[in-house]
Amino acid sequence: NVVAPESYTIVGEGKGGVAGFAKGSADIRLVEDGDATVLSYEAKAQVGGKLAQLGSRLIDSTARKMAEEFFSRFSEQV
């Protein structure tokens, strides 16, 4: 889902055997704002198996924290 240079989607998934699975995606948007570019994103995560037993609040907050950390570091590099 690439609309260069305006938006794109990052997708990933992993399997942890008996622990379950995790899938995630982030829709990224870039908007010109004068001399700057504003990056915004919406991240989504889905888990199953024993991972899901931890509770959706814990999974959601961890996914949100990881996305914020990624884009914060990305911003520092760019």
PDB file of N, CA and C in Angstrom:
ATOM      1  N   ASN A   1       0.849  -1.179   0.000  1.00  0.00           N
ATOM      2  CA  ASN A   1       0.000   0.000   0.000  1.00  0.00           C
ATOM      3  C   ASN A   1       0.891   1.238   0.000  1.00  0.00           C
ATOM      4  N   VAL A   2       1.490   1.533  -1.141  1.00  0.00           N
ATOM      5  CA  VAL A   2       2.404   2.659  -1.256  1.00  0.00           C
ATOM      6  C   VAL A   2       1.808   3.709  -2.183  1.00  0.00           C
ATOM      7  N   VAL A   3       1.734   4.935  -1.701  1.00  0.00           N
ATOM      8  CA  VAL A   3       1.346   6.085  -2.508  1.00  0.00           C
ATOM      9  C   VAL A   3       2.458   7.105  -2.315  1.00  0.00           C
ATOM     10  N   ALA A   4       3.566   6.874  -3.029  1.00  0.00           N
ATOM     11  CA  ALA A   4       4.751   7.721  -2.850  1.00  0.00           C
ATOM     12  C   ALA A   4       4.460   9.131  -3.335  1.00  0.00           C
ATOM     13  N   PRO A   5       4.883  10.139  -2.680  1.00  0.00           N
ATOM     14  CA  PRO A   5       5.563  10.191  -1.392  1.00  0.00           C
ATOM     15  C   PRO A   5       4.611  10.506  -0.240  1.00  0.00           C
ATOM     16  N   GLU A   6       3.316  10.176  -0.386  1.00  0.00           N
ATOM     17  CA  GLU A   6       2.313  10.591   0.594  1.00  0.00           C
ATOM     18  C   GLU A   6       2.041   9.599   1.713  1.00  0.00           C
ATOM     19  N   SER A   7       2.008   8.315   1.393  1.00  0.00           N
ATOM     20  CA  SER A   7       1.650   7.347   2.429  1.00  0.00           C
ATOM     21  C   SER A   7       2.162   5.957   2.074  1.00  0.00           C
ATOM     22  N   TYR A   8       2.228   5.108   3.094  1.00  0.00           N
ATOM     23  CA  TYR A   8       2.604   3.722   2.908  1.00  0.00           C
ATOM     24  C   TYR A   8       2.191   2.928   4.128  1.00  0.00           C
ATOM     25  N   THR A   9       2.246   1.609   4.012  1.00  0.00           N
ATOM     26  CA  THR A   9       1.866   0.727   5.110  1.00  0.00           C
ATOM     27  C   THR A   9       3.020  -0.218   5.409  1.00  0.00           C
ATOM     28  N   ILE A  10       3.337  -0.370   6.703  1.00  0.00           N
ATOM     29  CA  ILE A  10       4.335  -1.332   7.168  1.00  0.00           C
ATOM     30  C   ILE A  10       3.562  -2.498   7.779  1.00  0.00           C
ATOM     31  N   VAL A  11       3.912  -3.732   7.413  1.00  0.00           N
ATOM     32  CA  VAL A  11       3.208  -4.911   7.906  1.00  0.00           C
ATOM     33  C   VAL A  11       4.228  -5.926   8.403  1.00  0.00           C
ATOM     34  N   GLY A  12       3.900  -6.606   9.499  1.00  0.00           N
ATOM     35  CA  GLY A  12       4.779  -7.651  10.006  1.00  0.00           C
ATOM     36  C   GLY A  12       3.997  -8.677  10.795  1.00  0.00           C
ATOM     37  N   GLU A  13       4.572  -9.862  10.933  1.00  0.00           N
ATOM     38  CA  GLU A  13       3.939 -10.894  11.746  1.00  0.00           C
ATOM     39  C   GLU A  13       4.997 -11.854  12.263  1.00  0.00           C
ATOM     40  N   GLY A  14       4.647 -12.518  13.343  1.00  0.00           N
ATOM     41  CA  GLY A  14       5.558 -13.489  13.919  1.00  0.00           C
ATOM     42  C   GLY A  14       4.788 -14.605  14.590  1.00  0.00           C
ATOM     43  N   LYS A  15       5.411 -15.784  14.661  1.00  0.00           N
ATOM     44  CA  LYS A  15       4.796 -16.951  15.294  1.00  0.00           C
ATOM     45  C   LYS A  15       5.692 -17.400  16.429  1.00  0.00           C
ATOM     46  N   GLY A  16       5.086 -17.660  17.574  1.00  0.00           N
ATOM     47  CA  GLY A  16       5.838 -18.078  18.745  1.00  0.00           C
ATOM     48  C   GLY A  16       5.506 -19.475  19.193  1.00  0.00           C
ATOM     49  N   GLY A  17       5.172 -20.367  18.253  1.00  0.00           N
ATOM     50  CA  GLY A  17       4.849 -21.747  18.605  1.00  0.00           C
ATOM     51  C   GLY A  17       3.651 -21.807  19.533  1.00  0.00           C
ATOM     52  N   VAL A  18       3.819 -22.460  20.683  1.00  0.00           N
ATOM     53  CA  VAL A  18       2.706 -22.606  21.620  1.00  0.00           C
ATOM     54  C   VAL A  18       2.298 -21.275  22.243  1.00  0.00           C
ATOM     55  N   ALA A  19       3.181 -20.266  22.189  1.00  0.00           N
ATOM     56  CA  ALA A  19       2.857 -18.958  22.757  1.00  0.00           C
ATOM     57  C   ALA A  19       1.807 -18.238  21.919  1.00  0.00           C
ATOM     58  N   GLY A  20       1.713 -18.570  20.631  1.00  0.00           N
ATOM     59  CA  GLY A  20       0.724 -17.939  19.779  1.00  0.00           C
ATOM     60  C   GLY A  20       1.362 -17.162  18.650  1.00  0.00           C
ATOM     61  N   PHE A  21       0.662 -16.144  18.194  1.00  0.00           N
ATOM     62  CA  PHE A  21       1.146 -15.359  17.066  1.00  0.00           C
ATOM     63  C   PHE A  21       0.855 -13.881  17.307  1.00  0.00           C
ATOM     64  N   ALA A  22       1.529 -13.060  16.527  1.00  0.00           N
ATOM     65  CA  ALA A  22       1.281 -11.620  16.569  1.00  0.00           C
ATOM     66  C   ALA A  22       1.372 -11.093  15.138  1.00  0.00           C
ATOM     67  N   LYS A  23       0.446 -10.210  14.800  1.00  0.00           N
ATOM     68  CA  LYS A  23       0.439  -9.544  13.500  1.00  0.00           C
ATOM     69  C   LYS A  23       0.283  -8.062  13.773  1.00  0.00           C
ATOM     70  N   GLY A  24       0.887  -7.258  12.942  1.00  0.00           N
ATOM     71  CA  GLY A  24       0.744  -5.826  13.137  1.00  0.00           C
ATOM     72  C   GLY A  24       0.942  -5.058  11.850  1.00  0.00           C
ATOM     73  N   SER A  25       0.413  -3.852  11.833  1.00  0.00           N
ATOM     74  CA  SER A  25       0.599  -2.979  10.682  1.00  0.00           C
ATOM     75  C   SER A  25       0.560  -1.537  11.149  1.00  0.00           C
ATOM     76  N   ALA A  26       1.127  -0.673  10.344  1.00  0.00           N
ATOM     77  CA  ALA A  26       1.077   0.760  10.623  1.00  0.00           C
ATOM     78  C   ALA A  26       0.854   1.489   9.309  1.00  0.00           C
ATOM     79  N   ASP A  27      -0.170   2.317   9.277  1.00  0.00           N
ATOM     80  CA  ASP A  27      -0.426   3.178   8.129  1.00  0.00           C
ATOM     81  C   ASP A  27       0.272   4.505   8.389  1.00  0.00           C
ATOM     82  N   ILE A  28       1.175   4.884   7.495  1.00  0.00           N
ATOM     83  CA  ILE A  28       2.012   6.073   7.652  1.00  0.00           C
ATOM     84  C   ILE A  28       1.573   7.129   6.643  1.00  0.00           C
ATOM     85  N   ARG A  29       1.460   8.369   7.106  1.00  0.00           N
ATOM     86  CA  ARG A  29       1.112   9.475   6.224  1.00  0.00           C
ATOM     87  C   ARG A  29       2.140  10.587   6.367  1.00  0.00           C
ATOM     88  N   LEU A  30       2.540  11.156   5.251  1.00  0.00           N
ATOM     89  CA  LEU A  30       3.476  12.279   5.228  1.00  0.00           C
ATOM     90  C   LEU A  30       2.751  13.479   4.603  1.00  0.00           C
ATOM     91  N   VAL A  31       2.767  14.617   5.305  1.00  0.00           N
ATOM     92  CA  VAL A  31       2.090  15.819   4.825  1.00  0.00           C
ATOM     93  C   VAL A  31       3.073  16.983   4.870  1.00  0.00           C
ATOM     94  N   GLU A  32       3.183  17.694   3.773  1.00  0.00           N
ATOM     95  CA  GLU A  32       4.056  18.859   3.707  1.00  0.00           C
ATOM     96  C   GLU A  32       3.449  19.986   4.532  1.00  0.00           C
ATOM     97  N   ASP A  33       4.294  20.620   5.340  1.00  0.00           N
ATOM     98  CA  ASP A  33       3.866  21.739   6.188  1.00  0.00           C
ATOM     99  C   ASP A  33       4.946  22.815   6.116  1.00  0.00           C
ATOM    100  N   GLY A  34       4.856  23.666   5.099  1.00  0.00           N
ATOM    101  CA  GLY A  34       5.900  24.674   4.908  1.00  0.00           C
ATOM    102  C   GLY A  34       7.206  24.005   4.529  1.00  0.00           C
ATOM    103  N   ASP A  35       8.249  24.281   5.314  1.00  0.00           N
ATOM    104  CA  ASP A  35       9.569  23.685   5.071  1.00  0.00           C
ATOM    105  C   ASP A  35       9.731  22.331   5.756  1.00  0.00           C
ATOM    106  N   ALA A  36       8.707  21.897   6.481  1.00  0.00           N
ATOM    107  CA  ALA A  36       8.790  20.646   7.236  1.00  0.00           C
ATOM    108  C   ALA A  36       7.845  19.600   6.635  1.00  0.00           C
ATOM    109  N   THR A  37       8.018  18.373   7.073  1.00  0.00           N
ATOM    110  CA  THR A  37       7.115  17.283   6.727  1.00  0.00           C
ATOM    111  C   THR A  37       6.585  16.694   8.025  1.00  0.00           C
ATOM    112  N   VAL A  38       5.266  16.563   8.106  1.00  0.00           N
ATOM    113  CA  VAL A  38       4.624  16.002   9.294  1.00  0.00           C
ATOM    114  C   VAL A  38       4.339  14.527   9.027  1.00  0.00           C
ATOM    115  N   LEU A  39       4.840  13.659   9.908  1.00  0.00           N
ATOM    116  CA  LEU A  39       4.625  12.225   9.819  1.00  0.00           C
ATOM    117  C   LEU A  39       3.568  11.851  10.846  1.00  0.00           C
ATOM    118  N   SER A  40       2.502  11.176  10.411  1.00  0.00           N
ATOM    119  CA  SER A  40       1.504  10.659  11.346  1.00  0.00           C
ATOM    120  C   SER A  40       1.296   9.182  11.034  1.00  0.00           C
ATOM    121  N   TYR A  41       0.843   8.427  12.008  1.00  0.00           N
ATOM    122  CA  TYR A  41       0.677   6.998  11.804  1.00  0.00           C
ATOM    123  C   TYR A  41      -0.452   6.458  12.660  1.00  0.00           C
ATOM    124  N   GLU A  42      -0.980   5.326  12.229  1.00  0.00           N
ATOM    125  CA  GLU A  42      -1.974   4.578  12.997  1.00  0.00           C
ATOM    126  C   GLU A  42      -1.519   3.132  12.994  1.00  0.00           C
ATOM    127  N   ALA A  43      -1.211   2.602  14.166  1.00  0.00           N
ATOM    128  CA  ALA A  43      -0.709   1.233  14.287  1.00  0.00           C
ATOM    129  C   ALA A  43      -1.814   0.317  14.792  1.00  0.00           C
ATOM    130  N   LYS A  44      -1.811  -0.911  14.287  1.00  0.00           N
ATOM    131  CA  LYS A  44      -2.786  -1.924  14.696  1.00  0.00           C
ATOM    132  C   LYS A  44      -2.047  -3.209  15.005  1.00  0.00           C
ATOM    133  N   ALA A  45      -2.515  -3.935  16.020  1.00  0.00           N
ATOM    134  CA  ALA A  45      -1.886  -5.206  16.379  1.00  0.00           C
ATOM    135  C   ALA A  45      -2.963  -6.251  16.650  1.00  0.00           C
ATOM    136  N   GLN A  46      -2.642  -7.506  16.334  1.00  0.00           N
ATOM    137  CA  GLN A  46      -3.548  -8.613  16.584  1.00  0.00           C
ATOM    138  C   GLN A  46      -2.718  -9.763  17.134  1.00  0.00           C
ATOM    139  N   VAL A  47      -3.188 -10.387  18.197  1.00  0.00           N
ATOM    140  CA  VAL A  47      -2.480 -11.531  18.769  1.00  0.00           C
ATOM    141  C   VAL A  47      -3.450 -12.680  18.975  1.00  0.00           C
ATOM    142  N   GLY A  48      -2.911 -13.897  19.031  1.00  0.00           N
ATOM    143  CA  GLY A  48      -3.721 -15.077  19.278  1.00  0.00           C
ATOM    144  C   GLY A  48      -2.935 -16.076  20.100  1.00  0.00           C
ATOM    145  N   GLY A  49      -3.610 -17.088  20.580  1.00  0.00           N
ATOM    146  CA  GLY A  49      -2.975 -18.115  21.395  1.00  0.00           C
ATOM    147  C   GLY A  49      -2.743 -17.629  22.819  1.00  0.00           C
ATOM    148  N   LYS A  50      -1.711 -18.148  23.462  1.00  0.00           N
ATOM    149  CA  LYS A  50      -1.434 -17.795  24.858  1.00  0.00           C
ATOM    150  C   LYS A  50      -1.122 -16.310  25.020  1.00  0.00           C
ATOM    151  N   LEU A  51      -0.554 -15.691  23.971  1.00  0.00           N
ATOM    152  CA  LEU A  51      -0.292 -14.246  24.038  1.00  0.00           C
ATOM    153  C   LEU A  51      -1.575 -13.465  24.278  1.00  0.00           C
ATOM    154  N   ALA A  52      -2.663 -13.914  23.673  1.00  0.00           N
ATOM    155  CA  ALA A  52      -3.937 -13.213  23.810  1.00  0.00           C
ATOM    156  C   ALA A  52      -4.473 -13.302  25.234  1.00  0.00           C
ATOM    157  N   GLN A  53      -4.061 -14.310  25.988  1.00  0.00           N
ATOM    158  CA  GLN A  53      -4.521 -14.469  27.360  1.00  0.00           C
ATOM    159  C   GLN A  53      -3.965 -13.392  28.278  1.00  0.00           C
ATOM    160  N   LEU A  54      -2.918 -12.690  27.853  1.00  0.00           N
ATOM    161  CA  LEU A  54      -2.359 -11.608  28.660  1.00  0.00           C
ATOM    162  C   LEU A  54      -3.324 -10.437  28.766  1.00  0.00           C
ATOM    163  N   GLY A  55      -4.234 -10.372  27.826  1.00  0.00           N
ATOM    164  CA  GLY A  55      -5.206  -9.291  27.856  1.00  0.00           C
ATOM    165  C   GLY A  55      -4.914  -8.252  26.791  1.00  0.00           C
ATOM    166  N   SER A  56      -5.971  -7.791  26.183  1.00  0.00           N
ATOM    167  CA  SER A  56      -5.805  -6.853  25.079  1.00  0.00           C
ATOM    168  C   SER A  56      -5.244  -5.512  25.531  1.00  0.00           C
ATOM    169  N   ARG A  57      -5.533  -5.084  26.742  1.00  0.00           N
ATOM    170  CA  ARG A  57      -5.006  -3.797  27.215  1.00  0.00           C
ATOM    171  C   ARG A  57      -3.485  -3.809  27.275  1.00  0.00           C
ATOM    172  N   LEU A  58      -2.918  -4.883  27.795  1.00  0.00           N
ATOM    173  CA  LEU A  58      -1.465  -4.999  27.889  1.00  0.00           C
ATOM    174  C   LEU A  58      -0.845  -5.056  26.498  1.00  0.00           C
ATOM    175  N   ILE A  59      -1.437  -5.850  25.618  1.00  0.00           N
ATOM    176  CA  ILE A  59      -0.922  -5.979  24.258  1.00  0.00           C
ATOM    177  C   ILE A  59      -1.027  -4.642  23.533  1.00  0.00           C
ATOM    178  N   ASP A  60      -2.175  -3.978  23.616  1.00  0.00           N
ATOM    179  CA  ASP A  60      -2.364  -2.691  22.945  1.00  0.00           C
ATOM    180  C   ASP A  60      -1.390  -1.642  23.442  1.00  0.00           C
ATOM    181  N   SER A  61      -1.212  -1.558  24.759  1.00  0.00           N
ATOM    182  CA  SER A  61      -0.314  -0.538  25.302  1.00  0.00           C
ATOM    183  C   SER A  61       1.136  -0.822  24.916  1.00  0.00           C
ATOM    184  N   THR A  62       1.529  -2.088  24.874  1.00  0.00           N
ATOM    185  CA  THR A  62       2.885  -2.444  24.472  1.00  0.00           C
ATOM    186  C   THR A  62       3.105  -2.135  22.991  1.00  0.00           C
ATOM    187  N   ALA A  63       2.133  -2.460  22.151  1.00  0.00           N
ATOM    188  CA  ALA A  63       2.246  -2.163  20.719  1.00  0.00           C
ATOM    189  C   ALA A  63       2.321  -0.660  20.491  1.00  0.00           C
ATOM    190  N   ARG A  64       1.523   0.094  21.210  1.00  0.00           N
ATOM    191  CA  ARG A  64       1.529   1.555  21.077  1.00  0.00           C
ATOM    192  C   ARG A  64       2.884   2.118  21.504  1.00  0.00           C
ATOM    193  N   LYS A  65       3.417   1.605  22.616  1.00  0.00           N
ATOM    194  CA  LYS A  65       4.715   2.072  23.108  1.00  0.00           C
ATOM    195  C   LYS A  65       5.824   1.765  22.102  1.00  0.00           C
ATOM    196  N   MET A  66       5.801   0.575  21.518  1.00  0.00           N
ATOM    197  CA  MET A  66       6.827   0.198  20.557  1.00  0.00           C
ATOM    198  C   MET A  66       6.730   1.056  19.290  1.00  0.00           C
ATOM    199  N   ALA A  67       5.517   1.340  18.833  1.00  0.00           N
ATOM    200  CA  ALA A  67       5.342   2.188  17.647  1.00  0.00           C
ATOM    201  C   ALA A  67       5.844   3.593  17.924  1.00  0.00           C
ATOM    202  N   GLU A  68       5.516   4.139  19.094  1.00  0.00           N
ATOM    203  CA  GLU A  68       5.974   5.482  19.452  1.00  0.00           C
ATOM    204  C   GLU A  68       7.497   5.539  19.528  1.00  0.00           C
ATOM    205  N   GLU A  69       8.097   4.488  20.094  1.00  0.00           N
ATOM    206  CA  GLU A  69       9.556   4.430  20.201  1.00  0.00           C
ATOM    207  C   GLU A  69      10.202   4.358  18.815  1.00  0.00           C
ATOM    208  N   PHE A  70       9.637   3.536  17.936  1.00  0.00           N
ATOM    209  CA  PHE A  70      10.171   3.405  16.586  1.00  0.00           C
ATOM    210  C   PHE A  70      10.148   4.750  15.867  1.00  0.00           C
ATOM    211  N   PHE A  71       8.984   5.421  15.878  1.00  0.00           N
ATOM    212  CA  PHE A  71       8.862   6.661  15.123  1.00  0.00           C
ATOM    213  C   PHE A  71       9.622   7.805  15.778  1.00  0.00           C
ATOM    214  N   SER A  72       9.819   7.757  17.067  1.00  0.00           N
ATOM    215  CA  SER A  72      10.643   8.741  17.733  1.00  0.00           C
ATOM    216  C   SER A  72      12.091   8.615  17.277  1.00  0.00           C
ATOM    217  N   ARG A  73      12.591   7.389  17.252  1.00  0.00           N
ATOM    218  CA  ARG A  73      13.963   7.143  16.778  1.00  0.00           C
ATOM    219  C   ARG A  73      14.104   7.440  15.304  1.00  0.00           C
ATOM    220  N   PHE A  74      13.073   7.111  14.528  1.00  0.00           N
ATOM    221  CA  PHE A  74      13.075   7.416  13.103  1.00  0.00           C
ATOM    222  C   PHE A  74      13.190   8.916  12.892  1.00  0.00           C
ATOM    223  N   SER A  75      12.428   9.672  13.655  1.00  0.00           N
ATOM    224  CA  SER A  75      12.455  11.140  13.565  1.00  0.00           C
ATOM    225  C   SER A  75      13.835  11.685  13.910  1.00  0.00           C
ATOM    226  N   GLU A  76      14.485  11.109  14.908  1.00  0.00           N
ATOM    227  CA  GLU A  76      15.835  11.548  15.292  1.00  0.00           C
ATOM    228  C   GLU A  76      16.831  11.324  14.159  1.00  0.00           C
ATOM    229  N   GLN A  77      16.679  10.218  13.442  1.00  0.00           N
ATOM    230  CA  GLN A  77      17.607   9.888  12.367  1.00  0.00           C
ATOM    231  C   GLN A  77      17.369  10.736  11.119  1.00  0.00           C
ATOM    232  N   VAL A  78      16.137  11.087  10.888  1.00  0.00           N
ATOM    233  CA  VAL A  78      15.784  11.849   9.682  1.00  0.00           C
ATOM    234  C   VAL A  78      15.829  13.296  10.037  1.00  0.00           C
TER     235      VAL A  78
END
